[in-house]
Amino acid sequence: MIPMRDGVHLYTAVYAPVDRGEKHPFLLTRTPYSCKPYGVPFFKEALWDSYLYEYLKEEYIYVVQDVRGEWKSEGEFENVRPFIAQKQNNRDIDEASDAYDTVEWLVKIYLIIMVV
């Protein structure tokens, strides 16, 4: 659960290489369609049979997130929440601020080298 600037937490699954000794790039997908299965025991082995295989083989970190208000994420869902150009406070949220907060958290936690 990654905290957003307004205190809402978004459910995020992170598939990271075992080798944490070096920095890795990441690929982020945010979806209203669920990033299940939820939990380590239900690891998506199907990732290895998908278009993501080439990224995973190159040791990318794959991150998939339930958008605000959907599935296991907190908050209220709004389909394609409108962009707020001049945010006045932490309650002014949109898809861009949620994505930004997610990337900022990932960089701090995983020390990621670059964003794709």
PDB file of N, CA and C in Angstrom:
ATOM      1  N   MET A   1       0.855  -1.180   0.000  1.00  0.00           N
ATOM      2  CA  MET A   1       0.000   0.000   0.000  1.00  0.00           C
ATOM      3  C   MET A   1       0.900   1.241   0.000  1.00  0.00           C
ATOM      4  N   ILE A   2       0.879   1.977  -1.093  1.00  0.00           N
ATOM      5  CA  ILE A   2       1.714   3.167  -1.207  1.00  0.00           C
ATOM      6  C   ILE A   2       0.887   4.396  -0.820  1.00  0.00           C
ATOM      7  N   PRO A   3       1.402   5.210   0.112  1.00  0.00           N
ATOM      8  CA  PRO A   3       0.659   6.401   0.544  1.00  0.00           C
ATOM      9  C   PRO A   3       0.718   7.522  -0.499  1.00  0.00           C
ATOM     10  N   MET A   4      -0.440   8.142  -0.738  1.00  0.00           N
ATOM     11  CA  MET A   4      -0.519   9.300  -1.613  1.00  0.00           C
ATOM     12  C   MET A   4      -0.496  10.567  -0.760  1.00  0.00           C
ATOM     13  N   ARG A   5      -0.337  11.697  -1.393  1.00  0.00           N
ATOM     14  CA  ARG A   5      -0.202  12.972  -0.680  1.00  0.00           C
ATOM     15  C   ARG A   5      -1.403  13.341   0.173  1.00  0.00           C
ATOM     16  N   ASP A   6      -2.583  12.805  -0.134  1.00  0.00           N
ATOM     17  CA  ASP A   6      -3.780  13.118   0.659  1.00  0.00           C
ATOM     18  C   ASP A   6      -4.079  12.051   1.711  1.00  0.00           C
ATOM     19  N   GLY A   7      -3.168  11.081   1.891  1.00  0.00           N
ATOM     20  CA  GLY A   7      -3.336  10.060   2.919  1.00  0.00           C
ATOM     21  C   GLY A   7      -3.969   8.766   2.439  1.00  0.00           C
ATOM     22  N   VAL A   8      -4.495   8.735   1.222  1.00  0.00           N
ATOM     23  CA  VAL A   8      -5.072   7.520   0.648  1.00  0.00           C
ATOM     24  C   VAL A   8      -3.919   6.583   0.273  1.00  0.00           C
ATOM     25  N   HIS A   9      -4.145   5.268   0.417  1.00  0.00           N
ATOM     26  CA  HIS A   9      -3.129   4.267   0.074  1.00  0.00           C
ATOM     27  C   HIS A   9      -3.587   3.472  -1.141  1.00  0.00           C
ATOM     28  N   LEU A  10      -2.668   3.281  -2.093  1.00  0.00           N
ATOM     29  CA  LEU A  10      -2.987   2.532  -3.309  1.00  0.00           C
ATOM     30  C   LEU A  10      -2.259   1.190  -3.289  1.00  0.00           C
ATOM     31  N   TYR A  11      -3.029   0.123  -3.550  1.00  0.00           N
ATOM     32  CA  TYR A  11      -2.461  -1.222  -3.577  1.00  0.00           C
ATOM     33  C   TYR A  11      -1.540  -1.341  -4.779  1.00  0.00           C
ATOM     34  N   THR A  12      -0.339  -1.844  -4.523  1.00  0.00           N
ATOM     35  CA  THR A  12       0.674  -1.941  -5.563  1.00  0.00           C
ATOM     36  C   THR A  12       1.417  -3.260  -5.444  1.00  0.00           C
ATOM     37  N   ALA A  13       1.511  -3.985  -6.548  1.00  0.00           N
ATOM     38  CA  ALA A  13       2.301  -5.219  -6.583  1.00  0.00           C
ATOM     39  C   ALA A  13       3.619  -4.895  -7.274  1.00  0.00           C
ATOM     40  N   VAL A  14       4.723  -5.295  -6.636  1.00  0.00           N
ATOM     41  CA  VAL A  14       6.050  -5.032  -7.173  1.00  0.00           C
ATOM     42  C   VAL A  14       6.742  -6.363  -7.423  1.00  0.00           C
ATOM     43  N   TYR A  15       7.096  -6.610  -8.668  1.00  0.00           N
ATOM     44  CA  TYR A  15       7.846  -7.801  -9.047  1.00  0.00           C
ATOM     45  C   TYR A  15       9.278  -7.346  -9.300  1.00  0.00           C
ATOM     46  N   ALA A  16      10.168  -7.632  -8.355  1.00  0.00           N
ATOM     47  CA  ALA A  16      11.540  -7.134  -8.431  1.00  0.00           C
ATOM     48  C   ALA A  16      12.526  -8.288  -8.542  1.00  0.00           C
ATOM     49  N   PRO A  17      13.652  -8.055  -9.223  1.00  0.00           N
ATOM     50  CA  PRO A  17      14.692  -9.085  -9.289  1.00  0.00           C
ATOM     51  C   PRO A  17      15.207  -9.414  -7.888  1.00  0.00           C
ATOM     52  N   VAL A  18      15.645 -10.635  -7.702  1.00  0.00           N
ATOM     53  CA  VAL A  18      16.184 -11.067  -6.415  1.00  0.00           C
ATOM     54  C   VAL A  18      17.437 -10.273  -6.071  1.00  0.00           C
ATOM     55  N   ASP A  19      18.251  -9.970  -7.078  1.00  0.00           N
ATOM     56  CA  ASP A  19      19.493  -9.230  -6.868  1.00  0.00           C
ATOM     57  C   ASP A  19      19.180  -7.772  -6.545  1.00  0.00           C
ATOM     58  N   ARG A  20      19.303  -7.401  -5.273  1.00  0.00           N
ATOM     59  CA  ARG A  20      19.065  -6.012  -4.856  1.00  0.00           C
ATOM     60  C   ARG A  20      20.375  -5.253  -4.723  1.00  0.00           C
ATOM     61  N   GLY A  21      21.483  -5.859  -5.158  1.00  0.00           N
ATOM     62  CA  GLY A  21      22.792  -5.237  -5.036  1.00  0.00           C
ATOM     63  C   GLY A  21      23.053  -4.152  -6.061  1.00  0.00           C
ATOM     64  N   GLU A  22      22.212  -4.061  -7.080  1.00  0.00           N
ATOM     65  CA  GLU A  22      22.387  -3.021  -8.085  1.00  0.00           C
ATOM     66  C   GLU A  22      21.052  -2.374  -8.375  1.00  0.00           C
ATOM     67  N   LYS A  23      21.086  -1.235  -9.042  1.00  0.00           N
ATOM     68  CA  LYS A  23      19.862  -0.517  -9.377  1.00  0.00           C
ATOM     69  C   LYS A  23      19.243  -1.118 -10.636  1.00  0.00           C
ATOM     70  N   HIS A  24      17.915  -1.078 -10.708  1.00  0.00           N
ATOM     71  CA  HIS A  24      17.195  -1.624 -11.855  1.00  0.00           C
ATOM     72  C   HIS A  24      16.185  -0.607 -12.363  1.00  0.00           C
ATOM     73  N   PRO A  25      15.939  -0.567 -13.676  1.00  0.00           N
ATOM     74  CA  PRO A  25      14.866   0.278 -14.205  1.00  0.00           C
ATOM     75  C   PRO A  25      13.523  -0.362 -13.874  1.00  0.00           C
ATOM     76  N   PHE A  26      12.449   0.422 -14.005  1.00  0.00           N
ATOM     77  CA  PHE A  26      11.145  -0.174 -13.745  1.00  0.00           C
ATOM     78  C   PHE A  26      10.129   0.236 -14.786  1.00  0.00           C
ATOM     79  N   LEU A  27       9.080  -0.577 -14.849  1.00  0.00           N
ATOM     80  CA  LEU A  27       7.955  -0.362 -15.744  1.00  0.00           C
ATOM     81  C   LEU A  27       6.716  -0.313 -14.862  1.00  0.00           C
ATOM     82  N   LEU A  28       5.966   0.782 -14.907  1.00  0.00           N
ATOM     83  CA  LEU A  28       4.795   0.986 -14.052  1.00  0.00           C
ATOM     84  C   LEU A  28       3.514   0.901 -14.867  1.00  0.00           C
ATOM     85  N   THR A  29       2.580   0.100 -14.389  1.00  0.00           N
ATOM     86  CA  THR A  29       1.241   0.014 -14.973  1.00  0.00           C
ATOM     87  C   THR A  29       0.240   0.351 -13.877  1.00  0.00           C
ATOM     88  N   ARG A  30      -0.645   1.324 -14.156  1.00  0.00           N
ATOM     89  CA  ARG A  30      -1.713   1.668 -13.220  1.00  0.00           C
ATOM     90  C   ARG A  30      -3.016   1.278 -13.897  1.00  0.00           C
ATOM     91  N   THR A  31      -3.886   0.560 -13.186  1.00  0.00           N
ATOM     92  CA  THR A  31      -5.072   0.012 -13.841  1.00  0.00           C
ATOM     93  C   THR A  31      -6.320   0.044 -12.961  1.00  0.00           C
ATOM     94  N   PRO A  32      -7.490   0.267 -13.575  1.00  0.00           N
ATOM     95  CA  PRO A  32      -8.747   0.120 -12.845  1.00  0.00           C
ATOM     96  C   PRO A  32      -9.278  -1.320 -12.936  1.00  0.00           C
ATOM     97  N   TYR A  33      -8.544  -2.191 -13.648  1.00  0.00           N
ATOM     98  CA  TYR A  33      -9.029  -3.545 -13.918  1.00  0.00           C
ATOM     99  C   TYR A  33      -8.475  -4.610 -12.990  1.00  0.00           C
ATOM    100  N   SER A  34      -7.788  -4.231 -11.945  1.00  0.00           N
ATOM    101  CA  SER A  34      -7.261  -5.126 -10.922  1.00  0.00           C
ATOM    102  C   SER A  34      -5.875  -5.653 -11.269  1.00  0.00           C
ATOM    103  N   CYS A  35      -5.026  -5.620 -10.289  1.00  0.00           N
ATOM    104  CA  CYS A  35      -3.683  -6.178 -10.459  1.00  0.00           C
ATOM    105  C   CYS A  35      -3.565  -7.509  -9.719  1.00  0.00           C
ATOM    106  N   LYS A  36      -4.722  -8.149  -9.488  1.00  0.00           N
ATOM    107  CA  LYS A  36      -4.691  -9.436  -8.803  1.00  0.00           C
ATOM    108  C   LYS A  36      -3.990 -10.487  -9.644  1.00  0.00           C
ATOM    109  N   PRO A  37      -3.550 -11.556  -9.081  1.00  0.00           N
ATOM    110  CA  PRO A  37      -3.913 -12.066  -7.755  1.00  0.00           C
ATOM    111  C   PRO A  37      -3.165 -11.332  -6.654  1.00  0.00           C
ATOM    112  N   TYR A  38      -3.797 -11.189  -5.510  1.00  0.00           N
ATOM    113  CA  TYR A  38      -3.238 -10.432  -4.401  1.00  0.00           C
ATOM    114  C   TYR A  38      -2.484 -11.329  -3.437  1.00  0.00           C
ATOM    115  N   GLY A  39      -1.243 -10.972  -3.163  1.00  0.00           N
ATOM    116  CA  GLY A  39      -0.447 -11.694  -2.183  1.00  0.00           C
ATOM    117  C   GLY A  39       0.641 -12.550  -2.798  1.00  0.00           C
ATOM    118  N   VAL A  40       1.721 -12.690  -2.045  1.00  0.00           N
ATOM    119  CA  VAL A  40       2.893 -13.447  -2.487  1.00  0.00           C
ATOM    120  C   VAL A  40       2.559 -14.884  -2.890  1.00  0.00           C
ATOM    121  N   PRO A  41       1.687 -15.584  -2.148  1.00  0.00           N
ATOM    122  CA  PRO A  41       1.420 -16.980  -2.532  1.00  0.00           C
ATOM    123  C   PRO A  41       0.763 -17.119  -3.905  1.00  0.00           C
ATOM    124  N   PHE A  42       0.259 -16.003  -4.446  1.00  0.00           N
ATOM    125  CA  PHE A  42      -0.466 -16.058  -5.710  1.00  0.00           C
ATOM    126  C   PHE A  42       0.311 -15.383  -6.837  1.00  0.00           C
ATOM    127  N   PHE A  43       1.630 -15.446  -6.776  1.00  0.00           N
ATOM    128  CA  PHE A  43       2.512 -14.834  -7.781  1.00  0.00           C
ATOM    129  C   PHE A  43       2.027 -15.158  -9.188  1.00  0.00           C
ATOM    130  N   LYS A  44       2.039 -14.159 -10.052  1.00  0.00           N
ATOM    131  CA  LYS A  44       1.578 -14.319 -11.432  1.00  0.00           C
ATOM    132  C   LYS A  44       2.657 -14.944 -12.300  1.00  0.00           C
ATOM    133  N   GLU A  45       2.702 -16.246 -12.359  1.00  0.00           N
ATOM    134  CA  GLU A  45       3.681 -16.902 -13.226  1.00  0.00           C
ATOM    135  C   GLU A  45       3.389 -16.618 -14.692  1.00  0.00           C
ATOM    136  N   ALA A  46       2.183 -16.206 -14.991  1.00  0.00           N
ATOM    137  CA  ALA A  46       1.825 -15.886 -16.378  1.00  0.00           C
ATOM    138  C   ALA A  46       2.624 -14.703 -16.910  1.00  0.00           C
ATOM    139  N   LEU A  47       3.219 -13.904 -16.022  1.00  0.00           N
ATOM    140  CA  LEU A  47       4.059 -12.792 -16.481  1.00  0.00           C
ATOM    141  C   LEU A  47       5.175 -13.291 -17.386  1.00  0.00           C
ATOM    142  N   TRP A  48       5.668 -14.473 -17.096  1.00  0.00           N
ATOM    143  CA  TRP A  48       6.770 -15.016 -17.882  1.00  0.00           C
ATOM    144  C   TRP A  48       6.324 -15.430 -19.277  1.00  0.00           C
ATOM    145  N   ASP A  49       5.023 -15.544 -19.500  1.00  0.00           N
ATOM    146  CA  ASP A  49       4.496 -15.918 -20.812  1.00  0.00           C
ATOM    147  C   ASP A  49       3.918 -14.716 -21.558  1.00  0.00           C
ATOM    148  N   SER A  50       4.141 -13.516 -21.061  1.00  0.00           N
ATOM    149  CA  SER A  50       3.525 -12.335 -21.645  1.00  0.00           C
ATOM    150  C   SER A  50       4.568 -11.451 -22.334  1.00  0.00           C
ATOM    151  N   TYR A  51       4.098 -10.322 -22.857  1.00  0.00           N
ATOM    152  CA  TYR A  51       4.998  -9.361 -23.485  1.00  0.00           C
ATOM    153  C   TYR A  51       6.016  -8.810 -22.488  1.00  0.00           C
ATOM    154  N   LEU A  52       5.739  -8.942 -21.196  1.00  0.00           N
ATOM    155  CA  LEU A  52       6.649  -8.445 -20.160  1.00  0.00           C
ATOM    156  C   LEU A  52       7.890  -9.308 -20.011  1.00  0.00           C
ATOM    157  N   TYR A  53       7.866 -10.474 -20.581  1.00  0.00           N
ATOM    158  CA  TYR A  53       8.984 -11.410 -20.404  1.00  0.00           C
ATOM    159  C   TYR A  53      10.331 -10.773 -20.724  1.00  0.00           C
ATOM    160  N   GLU A  54      10.403 -10.036 -21.832  1.00  0.00           N
ATOM    161  CA  GLU A  54      11.679  -9.429 -22.234  1.00  0.00           C
ATOM    162  C   GLU A  54      12.165  -8.423 -21.193  1.00  0.00           C
ATOM    163  N   TYR A  55      11.236  -7.665 -20.599  1.00  0.00           N
ATOM    164  CA  TYR A  55      11.607  -6.712 -19.546  1.00  0.00           C
ATOM    165  C   TYR A  55      12.071  -7.450 -18.289  1.00  0.00           C
ATOM    166  N   LEU A  56      11.339  -8.479 -17.918  1.00  0.00           N
ATOM    167  CA  LEU A  56      11.695  -9.238 -16.718  1.00  0.00           C
ATOM    168  C   LEU A  56      13.039  -9.940 -16.896  1.00  0.00           C
ATOM    169  N   LYS A  57      13.271 -10.457 -18.094  1.00  0.00           N
ATOM    170  CA  LYS A  57      14.538 -11.122 -18.398  1.00  0.00           C
ATOM    171  C   LYS A  57      15.712 -10.152 -18.261  1.00  0.00           C
ATOM    172  N   GLU A  58      15.474  -8.882 -18.574  1.00  0.00           N
ATOM    173  CA  GLU A  58      16.507  -7.853 -18.466  1.00  0.00           C
ATOM    174  C   GLU A  58      16.557  -7.236 -17.065  1.00  0.00           C
ATOM    175  N   GLU A  59      15.854  -7.852 -16.127  1.00  0.00           N
ATOM    176  CA  GLU A  59      15.825  -7.470 -14.711  1.00  0.00           C
ATOM    177  C   GLU A  59      15.198  -6.103 -14.449  1.00  0.00           C
ATOM    178  N   TYR A  60      14.155  -5.794 -15.199  1.00  0.00           N
ATOM    179  CA  TYR A  60      13.339  -4.628 -14.868  1.00  0.00           C
ATOM    180  C   TYR A  60      12.526  -4.959 -13.625  1.00  0.00           C
ATOM    181  N   ILE A  61      12.164  -3.936 -12.887  1.00  0.00           N
ATOM    182  CA  ILE A  61      11.197  -4.080 -11.810  1.00  0.00           C
ATOM    183  C   ILE A  61       9.842  -3.791 -12.441  1.00  0.00           C
ATOM    184  N   TYR A  62       8.908  -4.730 -12.324  1.00  0.00           N
ATOM    185  CA  TYR A  62       7.564  -4.531 -12.872  1.00  0.00           C
ATOM    186  C   TYR A  62       6.640  -4.158 -11.737  1.00  0.00           C
ATOM    187  N   VAL A  63       5.954  -3.024 -11.882  1.00  0.00           N
ATOM    188  CA  VAL A  63       5.070  -2.500 -10.849  1.00  0.00           C
ATOM    189  C   VAL A  63       3.679  -2.354 -11.449  1.00  0.00           C
ATOM    190  N   VAL A  64       2.674  -2.921 -10.773  1.00  0.00           N
ATOM    191  CA  VAL A  64       1.294  -2.775 -11.227  1.00  0.00           C
ATOM    192  C   VAL A  64       0.464  -2.296 -10.040  1.00  0.00           C
ATOM    193  N   GLN A  65      -0.404  -1.302 -10.291  1.00  0.00           N
ATOM    194  CA  GLN A  65      -1.121  -0.633  -9.212  1.00  0.00           C
ATOM    195  C   GLN A  65      -2.605  -0.508  -9.532  1.00  0.00           C
ATOM    196  N   ASP A  66      -3.441  -0.813  -8.524  1.00  0.00           N
ATOM    197  CA  ASP A  66      -4.874  -0.537  -8.635  1.00  0.00           C
ATOM    198  C   ASP A  66      -5.067   0.968  -8.458  1.00  0.00           C
ATOM    199  N   VAL A  67      -5.744   1.624  -9.403  1.00  0.00           N
ATOM    200  CA  VAL A  67      -5.957   3.066  -9.280  1.00  0.00           C
ATOM    201  C   VAL A  67      -6.863   3.366  -8.095  1.00  0.00           C
ATOM    202  N   ARG A  68      -6.864   4.601  -7.710  1.00  0.00           N
ATOM    203  CA  ARG A  68      -7.635   5.102  -6.571  1.00  0.00           C
ATOM    204  C   ARG A  68      -9.098   4.638  -6.627  1.00  0.00           C
ATOM    205  N   GLY A  69      -9.539   4.032  -5.518  1.00  0.00           N
ATOM    206  CA  GLY A  69     -10.941   3.638  -5.390  1.00  0.00           C
ATOM    207  C   GLY A  69     -11.328   2.339  -6.070  1.00  0.00           C
ATOM    208  N   GLU A  70     -10.382   1.640  -6.654  1.00  0.00           N
ATOM    209  CA  GLU A  70     -10.681   0.375  -7.328  1.00  0.00           C
ATOM    210  C   GLU A  70      -9.981  -0.781  -6.625  1.00  0.00           C
ATOM    211  N   TRP A  71     -10.675  -1.892  -6.545  1.00  0.00           N
ATOM    212  CA  TRP A  71     -10.169  -3.139  -5.993  1.00  0.00           C
ATOM    213  C   TRP A  71      -9.606  -2.944  -4.596  1.00  0.00           C
ATOM    214  N   LYS A  72      -8.306  -3.141  -4.380  1.00  0.00           N
ATOM    215  CA  LYS A  72      -7.753  -3.047  -3.026  1.00  0.00           C
ATOM    216  C   LYS A  72      -7.216  -1.655  -2.681  1.00  0.00           C
ATOM    217  N   SER A  73      -7.324  -0.717  -3.592  1.00  0.00           N
ATOM    218  CA  SER A  73      -6.868   0.645  -3.317  1.00  0.00           C
ATOM    219  C   SER A  73      -7.959   1.443  -2.605  1.00  0.00           C
ATOM    220  N   GLU A  74      -7.520   2.305  -1.699  1.00  0.00           N
ATOM    221  CA  GLU A  74      -8.449   3.162  -0.966  1.00  0.00           C
ATOM    222  C   GLU A  74      -8.866   4.341  -1.840  1.00  0.00           C
ATOM    223  N   GLY A  75      -9.820   5.113  -1.332  1.00  0.00           N
ATOM    224  CA  GLY A  75     -10.251   6.331  -2.009  1.00  0.00           C
ATOM    225  C   GLY A  75     -11.478   6.133  -2.857  1.00  0.00           C
ATOM    226  N   GLU A  76     -11.841   7.185  -3.553  1.00  0.00           N
ATOM    227  CA  GLU A  76     -13.026   7.182  -4.401  1.00  0.00           C
ATOM    228  C   GLU A  76     -12.607   7.143  -5.865  1.00  0.00           C
ATOM    229  N   PHE A  77     -13.170   6.198  -6.609  1.00  0.00           N
ATOM    230  CA  PHE A  77     -12.836   6.061  -8.024  1.00  0.00           C
ATOM    231  C   PHE A  77     -13.535   7.136  -8.843  1.00  0.00           C
ATOM    232  N   GLU A  78     -12.800   7.727  -9.756  1.00  0.00           N
ATOM    233  CA  GLU A  78     -13.358   8.625 -10.762  1.00  0.00           C
ATOM    234  C   GLU A  78     -12.667   8.261 -12.069  1.00  0.00           C
ATOM    235  N   ASN A  79     -13.454   7.878 -13.068  1.00  0.00           N
ATOM    236  CA  ASN A  79     -12.889   7.426 -14.333  1.00  0.00           C
ATOM    237  C   ASN A  79     -12.100   8.555 -14.992  1.00  0.00           C
ATOM    238  N   VAL A  80     -10.813   8.348 -15.157  1.00  0.00           N
ATOM    239  CA  VAL A  80      -9.885   9.323 -15.721  1.00  0.00           C
ATOM    240  C   VAL A  80     -10.059  10.675 -14.999  1.00  0.00           C
ATOM    241  N   ARG A  81      -9.673  10.669 -13.740  1.00  0.00           N
ATOM    242  CA  ARG A  81      -9.751  11.863 -12.889  1.00  0.00           C
ATOM    243  C   ARG A  81      -9.074  13.039 -13.605  1.00  0.00           C
ATOM    244  N   PRO A  82      -9.776  14.169 -13.748  1.00  0.00           N
ATOM    245  CA  PRO A  82      -9.227  15.306 -14.505  1.00  0.00           C
ATOM    246  C   PRO A  82      -7.943  15.869 -13.891  1.00  0.00           C
ATOM    247  N   PHE A  83      -7.052  16.327 -14.758  1.00  0.00           N
ATOM    248  CA  PHE A  83      -5.787  16.925 -14.344  1.00  0.00           C
ATOM    249  C   PHE A  83      -6.042  18.290 -13.715  1.00  0.00           C
ATOM    250  N   ILE A  84      -5.361  18.569 -12.617  1.00  0.00           N
ATOM    251  CA  ILE A  84      -5.438  19.871 -11.949  1.00  0.00           C
ATOM    252  C   ILE A  84      -4.073  20.536 -12.129  1.00  0.00           C
ATOM    253  N   ALA A  85      -4.005  21.530 -12.980  1.00  0.00           N
ATOM    254  CA  ALA A  85      -2.724  22.161 -13.307  1.00  0.00           C
ATOM    255  C   ALA A  85      -2.144  22.952 -12.134  1.00  0.00           C
ATOM    256  N   GLN A  86      -2.959  23.697 -11.447  1.00  0.00           N
ATOM    257  CA  GLN A  86      -2.498  24.545 -10.340  1.00  0.00           C
ATOM    258  C   GLN A  86      -2.984  23.963  -9.010  1.00  0.00           C
ATOM    259  N   LYS A  87      -2.319  22.937  -8.549  1.00  0.00           N
ATOM    260  CA  LYS A  87      -2.724  22.313  -7.287  1.00  0.00           C
ATOM    261  C   LYS A  87      -2.462  23.280  -6.140  1.00  0.00           C
ATOM    262  N   GLN A  88      -3.453  23.452  -5.271  1.00  0.00           N
ATOM    263  CA  GLN A  88      -3.357  24.394  -4.162  1.00  0.00           C
ATOM    264  C   GLN A  88      -2.946  23.731  -2.852  1.00  0.00           C
ATOM    265  N   ASN A  89      -3.307  22.433  -2.706  1.00  0.00           N
ATOM    266  CA  ASN A  89      -2.998  21.720  -1.464  1.00  0.00           C
ATOM    267  C   ASN A  89      -2.995  20.214  -1.729  1.00  0.00           C
ATOM    268  N   ASN A  90      -2.777  19.419  -0.677  1.00  0.00           N
ATOM    269  CA  ASN A  90      -2.683  17.960  -0.818  1.00  0.00           C
ATOM    270  C   ASN A  90      -4.008  17.286  -1.155  1.00  0.00           C
ATOM    271  N   ARG A  91      -5.106  18.028  -1.077  1.00  0.00           N
ATOM    272  CA  ARG A  91      -6.406  17.450  -1.455  1.00  0.00           C
ATOM    273  C   ARG A  91      -6.649  17.557  -2.961  1.00  0.00           C
ATOM    274  N   ASP A  92      -5.859  18.364  -3.639  1.00  0.00           N
ATOM    275  CA  ASP A  92      -5.968  18.487  -5.096  1.00  0.00           C
ATOM    276  C   ASP A  92      -5.200  17.333  -5.732  1.00  0.00           C
ATOM    277  N   ILE A  93      -5.925  16.265  -6.007  1.00  0.00           N
ATOM    278  CA  ILE A  93      -5.287  15.059  -6.543  1.00  0.00           C
ATOM    279  C   ILE A  93      -5.862  14.751  -7.922  1.00  0.00           C
ATOM    280  N   ASP A  94      -5.060  14.051  -8.712  1.00  0.00           N
ATOM    281  CA  ASP A  94      -5.485  13.604 -10.036  1.00  0.00           C
ATOM    282  C   ASP A  94      -4.638  12.393 -10.401  1.00  0.00           C
ATOM    283  N   GLU A  95      -4.811  11.859 -11.588  1.00  0.00           N
ATOM    284  CA  GLU A  95      -4.045  10.683 -12.002  1.00  0.00           C
ATOM    285  C   GLU A  95      -2.551  10.995 -12.009  1.00  0.00           C
ATOM    286  N   ALA A  96      -2.194  12.209 -12.428  1.00  0.00           N
ATOM    287  CA  ALA A  96      -0.778  12.582 -12.496  1.00  0.00           C
ATOM    288  C   ALA A  96      -0.146  12.631 -11.109  1.00  0.00           C
ATOM    289  N   SER A  97      -0.862  13.184 -10.122  1.00  0.00           N
ATOM    290  CA  SER A  97      -0.280  13.261  -8.776  1.00  0.00           C
ATOM    291  C   SER A  97      -0.165  11.872  -8.158  1.00  0.00           C
ATOM    292  N   ASP A  98      -1.121  10.998  -8.422  1.00  0.00           N
ATOM    293  CA  ASP A  98      -1.026   9.628  -7.910  1.00  0.00           C
ATOM    294  C   ASP A  98       0.157   8.898  -8.542  1.00  0.00           C
ATOM    295  N   ALA A  99       0.345   9.074  -9.844  1.00  0.00           N
ATOM    296  CA  ALA A  99       1.475   8.438 -10.522  1.00  0.00           C
ATOM    297  C   ALA A  99       2.791   9.017  -9.994  1.00  0.00           C
ATOM    298  N   TYR A 100       2.846  10.321  -9.809  1.00  0.00           N
ATOM    299  CA  TYR A 100       4.054  10.971  -9.297  1.00  0.00           C
ATOM    300  C   TYR A 100       4.403  10.454  -7.904  1.00  0.00           C
ATOM    301  N   ASP A 101       3.394  10.399  -7.014  1.00  0.00           N
ATOM    302  CA  ASP A 101       3.633   9.920  -5.650  1.00  0.00           C
ATOM    303  C   ASP A 101       4.117   8.471  -5.651  1.00  0.00           C
ATOM    304  N   THR A 102       3.585   7.673  -6.568  1.00  0.00           N
ATOM    305  CA  THR A 102       4.001   6.274  -6.681  1.00  0.00           C
ATOM    306  C   THR A 102       5.456   6.176  -7.114  1.00  0.00           C
ATOM    307  N   VAL A 103       5.815   6.912  -8.158  1.00  0.00           N
ATOM    308  CA  VAL A 103       7.195   6.882  -8.650  1.00  0.00           C
ATOM    309  C   VAL A 103       8.151   7.400  -7.570  1.00  0.00           C
ATOM    310  N   GLU A 104       7.778   8.462  -6.897  1.00  0.00           N
ATOM    311  CA  GLU A 104       8.625   9.009  -5.831  1.00  0.00           C
ATOM    312  C   GLU A 104       8.872   7.966  -4.737  1.00  0.00           C
ATOM    313  N   TRP A 105       7.836   7.243  -4.338  1.00  0.00           N
ATOM    314  CA  TRP A 105       7.960   6.198  -3.321  1.00  0.00           C
ATOM    315  C   TRP A 105       8.863   5.072  -3.819  1.00  0.00           C
ATOM    316  N   LEU A 106       8.659   4.650  -5.060  1.00  0.00           N
ATOM    317  CA  LEU A 106       9.461   3.573  -5.624  1.00  0.00           C
ATOM    318  C   LEU A 106      10.942   3.941  -5.671  1.00  0.00           C
ATOM    319  N   VAL A 107      11.232   5.163  -6.075  1.00  0.00           N
ATOM    320  CA  VAL A 107      12.618   5.598  -6.163  1.00  0.00           C
ATOM    321  C   VAL A 107      13.268   5.583  -4.783  1.00  0.00           C
ATOM    322  N   LYS A 108      12.541   6.035  -3.775  1.00  0.00           N
ATOM    323  CA  LYS A 108      13.087   6.042  -2.414  1.00  0.00           C
ATOM    324  C   LYS A 108      13.300   4.624  -1.890  1.00  0.00           C
ATOM    325  N   ILE A 109      12.346   3.751  -2.131  1.00  0.00           N
ATOM    326  CA  ILE A 109      12.404   2.394  -1.584  1.00  0.00           C
ATOM    327  C   ILE A 109      13.351   1.494  -2.375  1.00  0.00           C
ATOM    328  N   TYR A 110      13.269   1.533  -3.681  1.00  0.00           N
ATOM    329  CA  TYR A 110      14.023   0.595  -4.508  1.00  0.00           C
ATOM    330  C   TYR A 110      15.288   1.183  -5.118  1.00  0.00           C
ATOM    331  N   LEU A 111      15.536   2.471  -4.903  1.00  0.00           N
ATOM    332  CA  LEU A 111      16.738   3.113  -5.457  1.00  0.00           C
ATOM    333  C   LEU A 111      16.869   2.818  -6.953  1.00  0.00           C
ATOM    334  N   ILE A 112      15.795   3.070  -7.652  1.00  0.00           N
ATOM    335  CA  ILE A 112      15.707   2.737  -9.068  1.00  0.00           C
ATOM    336  C   ILE A 112      16.523   3.711  -9.904  1.00  0.00           C
ATOM    337  N   ILE A 113      17.164   3.192 -10.923  1.00  0.00           N
ATOM    338  CA  ILE A 113      18.085   3.997 -11.722  1.00  0.00           C
ATOM    339  C   ILE A 113      17.389   4.881 -12.749  1.00  0.00           C
ATOM    340  N   MET A 114      16.260   4.429 -13.313  1.00  0.00           N
ATOM    341  CA  MET A 114      15.594   5.246 -14.317  1.00  0.00           C
ATOM    342  C   MET A 114      14.141   4.820 -14.460  1.00  0.00           C
ATOM    343  N   VAL A 115      13.342   5.691 -15.019  1.00  0.00           N
ATOM    344  CA  VAL A 115      11.924   5.421 -15.250  1.00  0.00           C
ATOM    345  C   VAL A 115      11.714   5.194 -16.729  1.00  0.00           C
ATOM    346  N   VAL A 116      10.937   4.163 -17.055  1.00  0.00           N
ATOM    347  CA  VAL A 116      10.647   3.855 -18.463  1.00  0.00           C
ATOM    348  C   VAL A 116       9.190   4.173 -18.715  1.00  0.00           C
TER     349      VAL A 116
END
